[in-house]
Amino acid sequence: MAKRFPIFLDLADREIHVYGGGRIASRRVETLLPFSPRLTVHAPRVTAQLQKAALEGRLSLQRERYEAGSIGLETFLVLAATDDPAVNETICEECRRKGILVNACSDQSLCDFHFPGIASKGDLVIGVNAGGQDHHLAKRWTDRIRKEVEEDGFDDQTKTASDNGEASEDGT
């Protein structure tokens, strides 16, 4: 498989749907929530963490199983994180037909993108990925970077740079 190009997307006004309410779905939803206020979880049962986020109004919760043909064309991104690989594959097939980005937790060959480990503070966001091959390696590096960014004195240097009129290497 070819290397994946890292890209940072603005998800603020994009519809994201997550199918599944278990441990993996819960972790990915928690990662997405700071980036997307338009997130809907579809699952008959969900973790306490997802239930709490729904009660707090941080996400929309639909207590339902995936139904073929139910993914709307306005959907930008889908996470297929059910406990049934066949259902995840069907979700992926529907998304492909409709031109919707999709990630299946059960089979990386079905994924349009890999879900990164995230370390962030302020405007600084760092994504870590090991090509879908070694999740432990990606987690180790994410944890190391997160500790550096969140715990070891990061002082919002992105704000300081923008306040001083400094531009990034790409001119933005």
N, C-alpha and C. Protein backbone atom coordinates (compact mmCIF):
# COMPACT_ATOMS: atom_id res chain seq x y z
N MET A 1 0.84 -1.18 0.00
CA MET A 1 0.00 0.00 0.00
C MET A 1 0.89 1.24 0.00
N ALA A 2 0.50 2.24 -0.78
CA ALA A 2 1.24 3.49 -0.85
C ALA A 2 1.12 4.26 0.45
N LYS A 3 2.13 5.09 0.71
CA LYS A 3 2.07 5.96 1.88
C LYS A 3 0.87 6.89 1.76
N ARG A 4 0.31 7.26 2.88
CA ARG A 4 -0.82 8.19 2.92
C ARG A 4 -0.31 9.61 3.14
N PHE A 5 -0.89 10.55 2.43
CA PHE A 5 -0.54 11.95 2.56
C PHE A 5 -1.29 12.56 3.74
N PRO A 6 -0.58 13.19 4.68
CA PRO A 6 -1.29 13.82 5.81
C PRO A 6 -1.97 15.10 5.34
N ILE A 7 -3.20 15.27 5.76
CA ILE A 7 -3.96 16.45 5.37
C ILE A 7 -4.81 16.88 6.56
N PHE A 8 -4.96 18.17 6.73
CA PHE A 8 -5.77 18.70 7.82
C PHE A 8 -7.01 19.34 7.21
N LEU A 9 -8.17 18.85 7.59
CA LEU A 9 -9.43 19.27 7.02
C LEU A 9 -10.23 20.13 7.99
N ASP A 10 -10.93 21.11 7.47
CA ASP A 10 -11.86 21.90 8.27
C ASP A 10 -13.17 21.13 8.31
N LEU A 11 -13.52 20.61 9.47
CA LEU A 11 -14.73 19.81 9.64
C LEU A 11 -15.88 20.58 10.29
N ALA A 12 -15.67 21.85 10.57
CA ALA A 12 -16.64 22.62 11.36
C ALA A 12 -18.04 22.60 10.77
N ASP A 13 -18.18 22.70 9.47
CA ASP A 13 -19.50 22.74 8.84
C ASP A 13 -19.79 21.49 8.02
N ARG A 14 -19.15 20.40 8.37
CA ARG A 14 -19.30 19.15 7.62
C ARG A 14 -20.03 18.12 8.46
N GLU A 15 -20.90 17.38 7.82
CA GLU A 15 -21.62 16.31 8.52
C GLU A 15 -20.76 15.07 8.61
N ILE A 16 -20.64 14.56 9.82
CA ILE A 16 -19.89 13.33 10.07
C ILE A 16 -20.82 12.35 10.75
N HIS A 17 -20.80 11.12 10.26
CA HIS A 17 -21.63 10.06 10.85
C HIS A 17 -20.74 8.91 11.27
N VAL A 18 -21.01 8.42 12.47
CA VAL A 18 -20.28 7.28 13.03
C VAL A 18 -21.30 6.17 13.24
N TYR A 19 -21.00 5.01 12.67
CA TYR A 19 -21.86 3.83 12.85
C TYR A 19 -21.16 2.89 13.79
N GLY A 20 -21.77 2.70 14.96
CA GLY A 20 -21.20 1.88 16.02
C GLY A 20 -21.09 2.71 17.28
N GLY A 21 -21.23 2.05 18.43
CA GLY A 21 -21.20 2.77 19.69
C GLY A 21 -20.31 2.14 20.73
N GLY A 22 -19.38 1.30 20.28
CA GLY A 22 -18.49 0.61 21.20
C GLY A 22 -17.23 1.38 21.52
N ARG A 23 -16.26 0.65 22.03
CA ARG A 23 -15.00 1.23 22.50
C ARG A 23 -14.24 1.99 21.40
N ILE A 24 -14.11 1.39 20.22
CA ILE A 24 -13.37 2.04 19.13
C ILE A 24 -14.11 3.28 18.66
N ALA A 25 -15.41 3.14 18.44
CA ALA A 25 -16.21 4.29 18.01
C ALA A 25 -16.10 5.41 19.05
N SER A 26 -16.17 5.07 20.30
CA SER A 26 -16.10 6.04 21.38
C SER A 26 -14.78 6.81 21.36
N ARG A 27 -13.67 6.10 21.21
CA ARG A 27 -12.35 6.75 21.16
C ARG A 27 -12.27 7.71 19.97
N ARG A 28 -12.75 7.27 18.83
CA ARG A 28 -12.66 8.10 17.63
C ARG A 28 -13.58 9.31 17.72
N VAL A 29 -14.74 9.13 18.29
CA VAL A 29 -15.67 10.26 18.47
C VAL A 29 -15.05 11.29 19.40
N GLU A 30 -14.47 10.86 20.50
CA GLU A 30 -13.84 11.80 21.44
C GLU A 30 -12.73 12.59 20.76
N THR A 31 -12.00 11.94 19.86
CA THR A 31 -10.95 12.63 19.11
C THR A 31 -11.55 13.66 18.15
N LEU A 32 -12.66 13.32 17.53
CA LEU A 32 -13.29 14.21 16.54
C LEU A 32 -14.05 15.38 17.14
N LEU A 33 -14.62 15.22 18.31
CA LEU A 33 -15.51 16.24 18.87
C LEU A 33 -14.94 17.66 18.91
N PRO A 34 -13.68 17.87 19.25
CA PRO A 34 -13.18 19.25 19.25
C PRO A 34 -13.12 19.87 17.84
N PHE A 35 -13.22 19.04 16.82
CA PHE A 35 -13.09 19.51 15.45
C PHE A 35 -14.42 19.59 14.71
N SER A 36 -15.45 18.93 15.21
CA SER A 36 -16.70 18.82 14.47
C SER A 36 -17.92 18.93 15.36
N PRO A 37 -18.65 20.03 15.25
CA PRO A 37 -19.88 20.14 16.02
C PRO A 37 -21.07 19.42 15.38
N ARG A 38 -20.89 18.88 14.18
CA ARG A 38 -21.98 18.23 13.46
C ARG A 38 -21.73 16.74 13.35
N LEU A 39 -21.66 16.08 14.46
CA LEU A 39 -21.33 14.66 14.51
C LEU A 39 -22.55 13.88 15.01
N THR A 40 -22.88 12.82 14.27
CA THR A 40 -24.00 11.96 14.65
C THR A 40 -23.51 10.53 14.81
N VAL A 41 -23.88 9.90 15.92
CA VAL A 41 -23.55 8.50 16.18
C VAL A 41 -24.83 7.69 15.99
N HIS A 42 -24.71 6.61 15.20
CA HIS A 42 -25.83 5.69 14.96
C HIS A 42 -25.47 4.34 15.59
N ALA A 43 -26.21 3.95 16.63
CA ALA A 43 -25.96 2.66 17.27
C ALA A 43 -27.10 2.36 18.24
N PRO A 44 -27.51 1.11 18.31
CA PRO A 44 -28.56 0.77 19.27
C PRO A 44 -28.08 0.86 20.72
N ARG A 45 -26.79 0.55 20.94
CA ARG A 45 -26.19 0.64 22.27
C ARG A 45 -24.89 1.44 22.15
N VAL A 46 -24.61 2.25 23.17
CA VAL A 46 -23.40 3.07 23.15
C VAL A 46 -22.71 3.01 24.49
N THR A 47 -21.44 3.38 24.50
CA THR A 47 -20.67 3.45 25.74
C THR A 47 -21.22 4.59 26.61
N ALA A 48 -20.90 4.54 27.88
CA ALA A 48 -21.31 5.61 28.80
C ALA A 48 -20.72 6.94 28.36
N GLN A 49 -19.52 6.91 27.81
CA GLN A 49 -18.85 8.12 27.33
C GLN A 49 -19.64 8.77 26.20
N LEU A 50 -20.13 7.97 25.24
CA LEU A 50 -20.93 8.52 24.14
C LEU A 50 -22.28 9.01 24.64
N GLN A 51 -22.89 8.26 25.55
CA GLN A 51 -24.17 8.68 26.12
C GLN A 51 -24.02 10.03 26.81
N LYS A 52 -22.95 10.20 27.58
CA LYS A 52 -22.70 11.46 28.28
C LYS A 52 -22.52 12.61 27.29
N ALA A 53 -21.75 12.39 26.23
CA ALA A 53 -21.53 13.43 25.21
C ALA A 53 -22.85 13.83 24.55
N ALA A 54 -23.73 12.86 24.32
CA ALA A 54 -25.04 13.15 23.73
C ALA A 54 -25.89 13.96 24.70
N LEU A 55 -25.91 13.58 25.98
CA LEU A 55 -26.68 14.32 26.98
C LEU A 55 -26.17 15.75 27.15
N GLU A 56 -24.88 15.95 26.95
CA GLU A 56 -24.29 17.29 27.04
C GLU A 56 -24.50 18.10 25.77
N GLY A 57 -25.09 17.48 24.74
CA GLY A 57 -25.35 18.18 23.48
C GLY A 57 -24.13 18.30 22.58
N ARG A 58 -23.10 17.51 22.84
CA ARG A 58 -21.88 17.58 22.04
C ARG A 58 -21.97 16.76 20.77
N LEU A 59 -22.96 15.86 20.70
CA LEU A 59 -23.18 15.05 19.50
C LEU A 59 -24.65 14.66 19.45
N SER A 60 -25.07 14.23 18.27
CA SER A 60 -26.43 13.72 18.10
C SER A 60 -26.37 12.20 18.16
N LEU A 61 -27.28 11.59 18.88
CA LEU A 61 -27.30 10.15 19.03
C LEU A 61 -28.58 9.58 18.44
N GLN A 62 -28.43 8.68 17.48
CA GLN A 62 -29.56 7.98 16.87
C GLN A 62 -29.46 6.52 17.28
N ARG A 63 -30.38 6.06 18.10
CA ARG A 63 -30.35 4.68 18.59
C ARG A 63 -30.93 3.77 17.52
N GLU A 64 -30.09 3.47 16.53
CA GLU A 64 -30.52 2.67 15.39
C GLU A 64 -29.32 1.95 14.78
N ARG A 65 -29.61 0.86 14.13
CA ARG A 65 -28.60 0.14 13.36
C ARG A 65 -28.49 0.78 11.97
N TYR A 66 -27.39 0.53 11.30
CA TYR A 66 -27.22 0.98 9.92
C TYR A 66 -28.27 0.32 9.03
N GLU A 67 -28.88 1.11 8.17
CA GLU A 67 -29.82 0.62 7.17
C GLU A 67 -29.24 0.97 5.80
N ALA A 68 -29.12 0.00 4.92
CA ALA A 68 -28.57 0.23 3.58
C ALA A 68 -29.33 1.37 2.90
N GLY A 69 -28.59 2.28 2.31
CA GLY A 69 -29.17 3.40 1.60
C GLY A 69 -29.49 4.60 2.46
N SER A 70 -29.20 4.52 3.76
CA SER A 70 -29.61 5.59 4.69
C SER A 70 -28.62 6.74 4.82
N ILE A 71 -27.44 6.62 4.25
CA ILE A 71 -26.43 7.68 4.39
C ILE A 71 -26.73 8.78 3.39
N GLY A 72 -26.99 9.97 3.90
CA GLY A 72 -27.37 11.11 3.06
C GLY A 72 -26.21 11.64 2.24
N LEU A 73 -26.52 12.20 1.08
CA LEU A 73 -25.50 12.74 0.18
C LEU A 73 -24.79 13.94 0.77
N GLU A 74 -25.39 14.61 1.76
CA GLU A 74 -24.76 15.77 2.40
C GLU A 74 -23.66 15.34 3.38
N THR A 75 -23.54 14.05 3.63
CA THR A 75 -22.52 13.54 4.55
C THR A 75 -21.14 13.70 3.94
N PHE A 76 -20.21 14.20 4.73
CA PHE A 76 -18.84 14.42 4.26
C PHE A 76 -17.93 13.23 4.60
N LEU A 77 -18.12 12.68 5.81
CA LEU A 77 -17.19 11.66 6.30
C LEU A 77 -17.95 10.66 7.16
N VAL A 78 -17.59 9.38 7.02
CA VAL A 78 -18.23 8.31 7.79
C VAL A 78 -17.17 7.44 8.43
N LEU A 79 -17.42 7.07 9.69
CA LEU A 79 -16.61 6.07 10.36
C LEU A 79 -17.49 4.83 10.54
N ALA A 80 -17.06 3.73 9.96
CA ALA A 80 -17.76 2.45 10.10
C ALA A 80 -17.07 1.69 11.23
N ALA A 81 -17.68 1.72 12.41
CA ALA A 81 -17.05 1.15 13.60
C ALA A 81 -18.01 0.23 14.33
N THR A 82 -18.79 -0.54 13.56
CA THR A 82 -19.69 -1.50 14.19
C THR A 82 -18.89 -2.73 14.58
N ASP A 83 -19.51 -3.64 15.31
CA ASP A 83 -18.81 -4.87 15.70
C ASP A 83 -18.98 -5.97 14.65
N ASP A 84 -19.52 -5.61 13.47
CA ASP A 84 -19.75 -6.58 12.39
C ASP A 84 -19.00 -6.15 11.14
N PRO A 85 -17.90 -6.82 10.79
CA PRO A 85 -17.12 -6.45 9.61
C PRO A 85 -17.94 -6.42 8.31
N ALA A 86 -18.94 -7.28 8.18
CA ALA A 86 -19.77 -7.28 6.97
C ALA A 86 -20.59 -5.99 6.89
N VAL A 87 -21.10 -5.52 8.02
CA VAL A 87 -21.84 -4.26 8.03
C VAL A 87 -20.90 -3.11 7.71
N ASN A 88 -19.71 -3.12 8.29
CA ASN A 88 -18.73 -2.07 7.99
C ASN A 88 -18.41 -2.04 6.50
N GLU A 89 -18.27 -3.20 5.88
CA GLU A 89 -17.98 -3.27 4.45
C GLU A 89 -19.15 -2.71 3.63
N THR A 90 -20.37 -3.02 4.02
CA THR A 90 -21.55 -2.49 3.32
C THR A 90 -21.60 -0.97 3.44
N ILE A 91 -21.30 -0.45 4.61
CA ILE A 91 -21.25 1.00 4.81
C ILE A 91 -20.21 1.61 3.87
N CYS A 92 -19.05 0.99 3.78
CA CYS A 92 -17.99 1.49 2.90
C CYS A 92 -18.43 1.49 1.44
N GLU A 93 -19.08 0.43 1.03
CA GLU A 93 -19.55 0.35 -0.36
C GLU A 93 -20.53 1.47 -0.66
N GLU A 94 -21.47 1.73 0.26
CA GLU A 94 -22.43 2.82 0.06
C GLU A 94 -21.71 4.16 -0.03
N CYS A 95 -20.76 4.39 0.87
CA CYS A 95 -20.02 5.65 0.86
C CYS A 95 -19.25 5.82 -0.45
N ARG A 96 -18.63 4.78 -0.94
CA ARG A 96 -17.88 4.87 -2.20
C ARG A 96 -18.81 5.24 -3.35
N ARG A 97 -19.98 4.62 -3.40
CA ARG A 97 -20.94 4.94 -4.47
C ARG A 97 -21.37 6.40 -4.40
N LYS A 98 -21.43 6.95 -3.21
CA LYS A 98 -21.91 8.31 -3.01
C LYS A 98 -20.79 9.35 -2.93
N GLY A 99 -19.54 8.92 -3.05
CA GLY A 99 -18.42 9.85 -3.00
C GLY A 99 -18.16 10.43 -1.63
N ILE A 100 -18.41 9.64 -0.58
CA ILE A 100 -18.23 10.07 0.81
C ILE A 100 -16.97 9.42 1.37
N LEU A 101 -16.11 10.22 2.01
CA LEU A 101 -14.91 9.67 2.65
C LEU A 101 -15.32 8.70 3.75
N VAL A 102 -14.63 7.56 3.82
CA VAL A 102 -15.01 6.54 4.79
C VAL A 102 -13.79 5.86 5.39
N ASN A 103 -13.93 5.50 6.66
CA ASN A 103 -12.91 4.74 7.38
C ASN A 103 -13.61 3.57 8.06
N ALA A 104 -13.09 2.37 7.85
CA ALA A 104 -13.65 1.17 8.48
C ALA A 104 -12.65 0.66 9.51
N CYS A 105 -13.09 0.55 10.76
CA CYS A 105 -12.18 0.12 11.82
C CYS A 105 -11.78 -1.34 11.66
N SER A 106 -12.56 -2.11 10.91
CA SER A 106 -12.31 -3.55 10.81
C SER A 106 -11.42 -3.96 9.65
N ASP A 107 -11.14 -3.05 8.69
CA ASP A 107 -10.37 -3.44 7.51
C ASP A 107 -9.75 -2.20 6.87
N GLN A 108 -8.45 -2.01 7.08
CA GLN A 108 -7.79 -0.81 6.56
C GLN A 108 -7.81 -0.74 5.04
N SER A 109 -7.98 -1.86 4.35
CA SER A 109 -8.03 -1.82 2.89
C SER A 109 -9.30 -1.14 2.37
N LEU A 110 -10.30 -0.99 3.24
CA LEU A 110 -11.54 -0.32 2.87
C LEU A 110 -11.50 1.19 3.16
N CYS A 111 -10.44 1.65 3.77
CA CYS A 111 -10.38 3.03 4.25
C CYS A 111 -9.87 4.00 3.19
N ASP A 112 -10.57 5.14 3.09
CA ASP A 112 -10.08 6.24 2.26
C ASP A 112 -9.01 7.03 3.02
N PHE A 113 -9.01 6.93 4.33
CA PHE A 113 -8.05 7.64 5.17
C PHE A 113 -7.82 6.81 6.42
N HIS A 114 -6.67 7.02 7.04
CA HIS A 114 -6.39 6.41 8.32
C HIS A 114 -6.71 7.43 9.41
N PHE A 115 -7.16 6.94 10.54
CA PHE A 115 -7.49 7.80 11.66
C PHE A 115 -6.22 8.01 12.47
N PRO A 116 -5.74 9.26 12.60
CA PRO A 116 -4.46 9.49 13.29
C PRO A 116 -4.60 9.58 14.79
N GLY A 117 -3.48 9.39 15.46
CA GLY A 117 -3.39 9.79 16.85
C GLY A 117 -3.26 11.30 16.86
N ILE A 118 -3.86 11.98 17.81
CA ILE A 118 -3.87 13.45 17.83
C ILE A 118 -3.27 13.97 19.13
N ALA A 119 -2.39 14.93 18.99
CA ALA A 119 -1.89 15.70 20.12
C ALA A 119 -2.17 17.16 19.77
N SER A 120 -2.83 17.89 20.65
CA SER A 120 -3.12 19.29 20.32
C SER A 120 -3.19 20.15 21.56
N LYS A 121 -2.93 21.41 21.33
CA LYS A 121 -3.11 22.44 22.35
C LYS A 121 -3.18 23.77 21.62
N GLY A 122 -4.20 24.54 21.94
CA GLY A 122 -4.38 25.80 21.21
C GLY A 122 -4.58 25.49 19.73
N ASP A 123 -3.91 26.25 18.90
CA ASP A 123 -4.03 26.05 17.45
C ASP A 123 -3.09 24.96 16.91
N LEU A 124 -2.21 24.47 17.75
CA LEU A 124 -1.27 23.44 17.32
C LEU A 124 -1.97 22.08 17.32
N VAL A 125 -1.97 21.41 16.18
CA VAL A 125 -2.55 20.07 16.06
C VAL A 125 -1.52 19.19 15.34
N ILE A 126 -1.18 18.08 15.97
CA ILE A 126 -0.21 17.15 15.40
C ILE A 126 -0.90 15.80 15.25
N GLY A 127 -0.85 15.25 14.04
CA GLY A 127 -1.42 13.93 13.77
C GLY A 127 -0.31 12.91 13.58
N VAL A 128 -0.50 11.70 14.12
CA VAL A 128 0.50 10.65 14.03
C VAL A 128 -0.13 9.41 13.42
N ASN A 129 0.57 8.83 12.44
CA ASN A 129 0.07 7.64 11.77
C ASN A 129 1.26 6.75 11.42
N ALA A 130 1.08 5.44 11.54
CA ALA A 130 2.14 4.49 11.19
C ALA A 130 1.70 3.64 9.99
N GLY A 131 0.97 4.25 9.08
CA GLY A 131 0.57 3.55 7.87
C GLY A 131 -0.45 2.45 8.08
N GLY A 132 -1.10 2.45 9.23
CA GLY A 132 -2.09 1.42 9.51
C GLY A 132 -1.48 0.07 9.86
N GLN A 133 -0.16 0.01 9.94
CA GLN A 133 0.52 -1.26 10.16
C GLN A 133 0.85 -1.54 11.62
N ASP A 134 1.13 -0.49 12.38
CA ASP A 134 1.60 -0.68 13.75
C ASP A 134 0.93 0.33 14.67
N HIS A 135 -0.26 0.00 15.14
CA HIS A 135 -1.02 0.92 15.99
C HIS A 135 -0.29 1.22 17.29
N HIS A 136 0.47 0.26 17.81
CA HIS A 136 1.21 0.48 19.07
C HIS A 136 2.31 1.51 18.86
N LEU A 137 2.98 1.46 17.72
CA LEU A 137 4.02 2.46 17.41
C LEU A 137 3.39 3.85 17.32
N ALA A 138 2.28 3.96 16.60
CA ALA A 138 1.60 5.26 16.48
C ALA A 138 1.15 5.76 17.84
N LYS A 139 0.61 4.87 18.67
CA LYS A 139 0.15 5.28 20.01
C LYS A 139 1.32 5.73 20.88
N ARG A 140 2.43 4.99 20.82
CA ARG A 140 3.61 5.38 21.61
C ARG A 140 4.07 6.79 21.24
N TRP A 141 4.17 7.07 19.93
CA TRP A 141 4.63 8.38 19.49
C TRP A 141 3.59 9.46 19.79
N THR A 142 2.32 9.14 19.63
CA THR A 142 1.28 10.11 19.97
C THR A 142 1.37 10.47 21.44
N ASP A 143 1.52 9.47 22.30
CA ASP A 143 1.62 9.73 23.74
C ASP A 143 2.84 10.59 24.07
N ARG A 144 3.97 10.31 23.42
CA ARG A 144 5.19 11.09 23.66
C ARG A 144 5.00 12.54 23.23
N ILE A 145 4.42 12.71 22.06
CA ILE A 145 4.20 14.07 21.54
C ILE A 145 3.16 14.79 22.39
N ARG A 146 2.10 14.08 22.75
CA ARG A 146 1.05 14.68 23.59
C ARG A 146 1.64 15.16 24.91
N LYS A 147 2.50 14.35 25.52
CA LYS A 147 3.13 14.76 26.78
C LYS A 147 3.94 16.03 26.57
N GLU A 148 4.69 16.08 25.51
CA GLU A 148 5.50 17.26 25.22
C GLU A 148 4.62 18.49 25.00
N VAL A 149 3.56 18.34 24.22
CA VAL A 149 2.69 19.46 23.87
C VAL A 149 1.81 19.89 25.05
N GLU A 150 1.20 18.93 25.71
CA GLU A 150 0.20 19.25 26.72
C GLU A 150 0.77 19.45 28.12
N GLU A 151 1.87 18.77 28.45
CA GLU A 151 2.33 18.77 29.83
C GLU A 151 3.64 19.50 30.06
N ASP A 152 4.49 19.59 29.07
CA ASP A 152 5.84 20.08 29.30
C ASP A 152 6.06 21.53 28.90
N GLY A 153 5.07 22.37 29.15
CA GLY A 153 5.31 23.79 29.02
C GLY A 153 5.05 24.39 27.66
N PHE A 154 4.28 23.75 26.79
CA PHE A 154 3.91 24.38 25.53
C PHE A 154 3.22 25.70 25.87
N ASP A 155 3.64 26.78 25.22
CA ASP A 155 3.13 28.10 25.60
C ASP A 155 2.38 28.79 24.46
N ASP A 156 1.63 28.02 23.67
CA ASP A 156 0.83 28.55 22.57
C ASP A 156 1.68 29.35 21.60
N GLN A 157 2.75 28.73 21.14
CA GLN A 157 3.68 29.39 20.23
C GLN A 157 3.03 29.77 18.91
N THR A 158 1.95 29.05 18.50
CA THR A 158 1.29 29.41 17.25
C THR A 158 0.66 30.79 17.37
N LYS A 159 0.10 31.12 18.53
CA LYS A 159 -0.48 32.45 18.73
C LYS A 159 0.62 33.50 18.76
N THR A 160 1.73 33.20 19.42
CA THR A 160 2.85 34.14 19.50
C THR A 160 3.38 34.43 18.10
N ALA A 161 3.54 33.40 17.28
CA ALA A 161 4.06 33.59 15.92
C ALA A 161 3.11 34.45 15.10
N SER A 162 1.79 34.19 15.19
CA SER A 162 0.84 34.97 14.39
C SER A 162 0.75 36.40 14.90
N ASP A 163 0.89 36.61 16.21
CA ASP A 163 0.86 37.96 16.76
C ASP A 163 2.07 38.78 16.29
N ASN A 164 3.19 38.10 16.03
CA ASN A 164 4.40 38.78 15.57
C ASN A 164 4.45 38.93 14.06
N GLY A 165 3.39 38.48 13.37
CA GLY A 165 3.34 38.59 11.92
C GLY A 165 4.19 37.57 11.20
N GLU A 166 4.63 36.54 11.90
CA GLU A 166 5.44 35.51 11.27
C GLU A 166 4.55 34.60 10.45
N ALA A 167 5.05 34.18 9.29
CA ALA A 167 4.32 33.25 8.43
C ALA A 167 4.97 31.88 8.53
N SER A 168 4.20 30.87 8.21
CA SER A 168 4.74 29.52 8.19
C SER A 168 5.58 29.33 6.94
N GLU A 169 6.24 28.18 6.83
CA GLU A 169 7.07 27.90 5.67
C GLU A 169 6.29 27.93 4.36
N ASP A 170 5.00 27.61 4.41
CA ASP A 170 4.22 27.62 3.17
C ASP A 170 3.57 28.98 2.92
N GLY A 171 3.90 29.97 3.75
CA GLY A 171 3.41 31.32 3.52
C GLY A 171 2.07 31.64 4.13
N THR A 172 1.46 30.69 4.83
CA THR A 172 0.15 30.97 5.42
C THR A 172 0.28 31.49 6.82
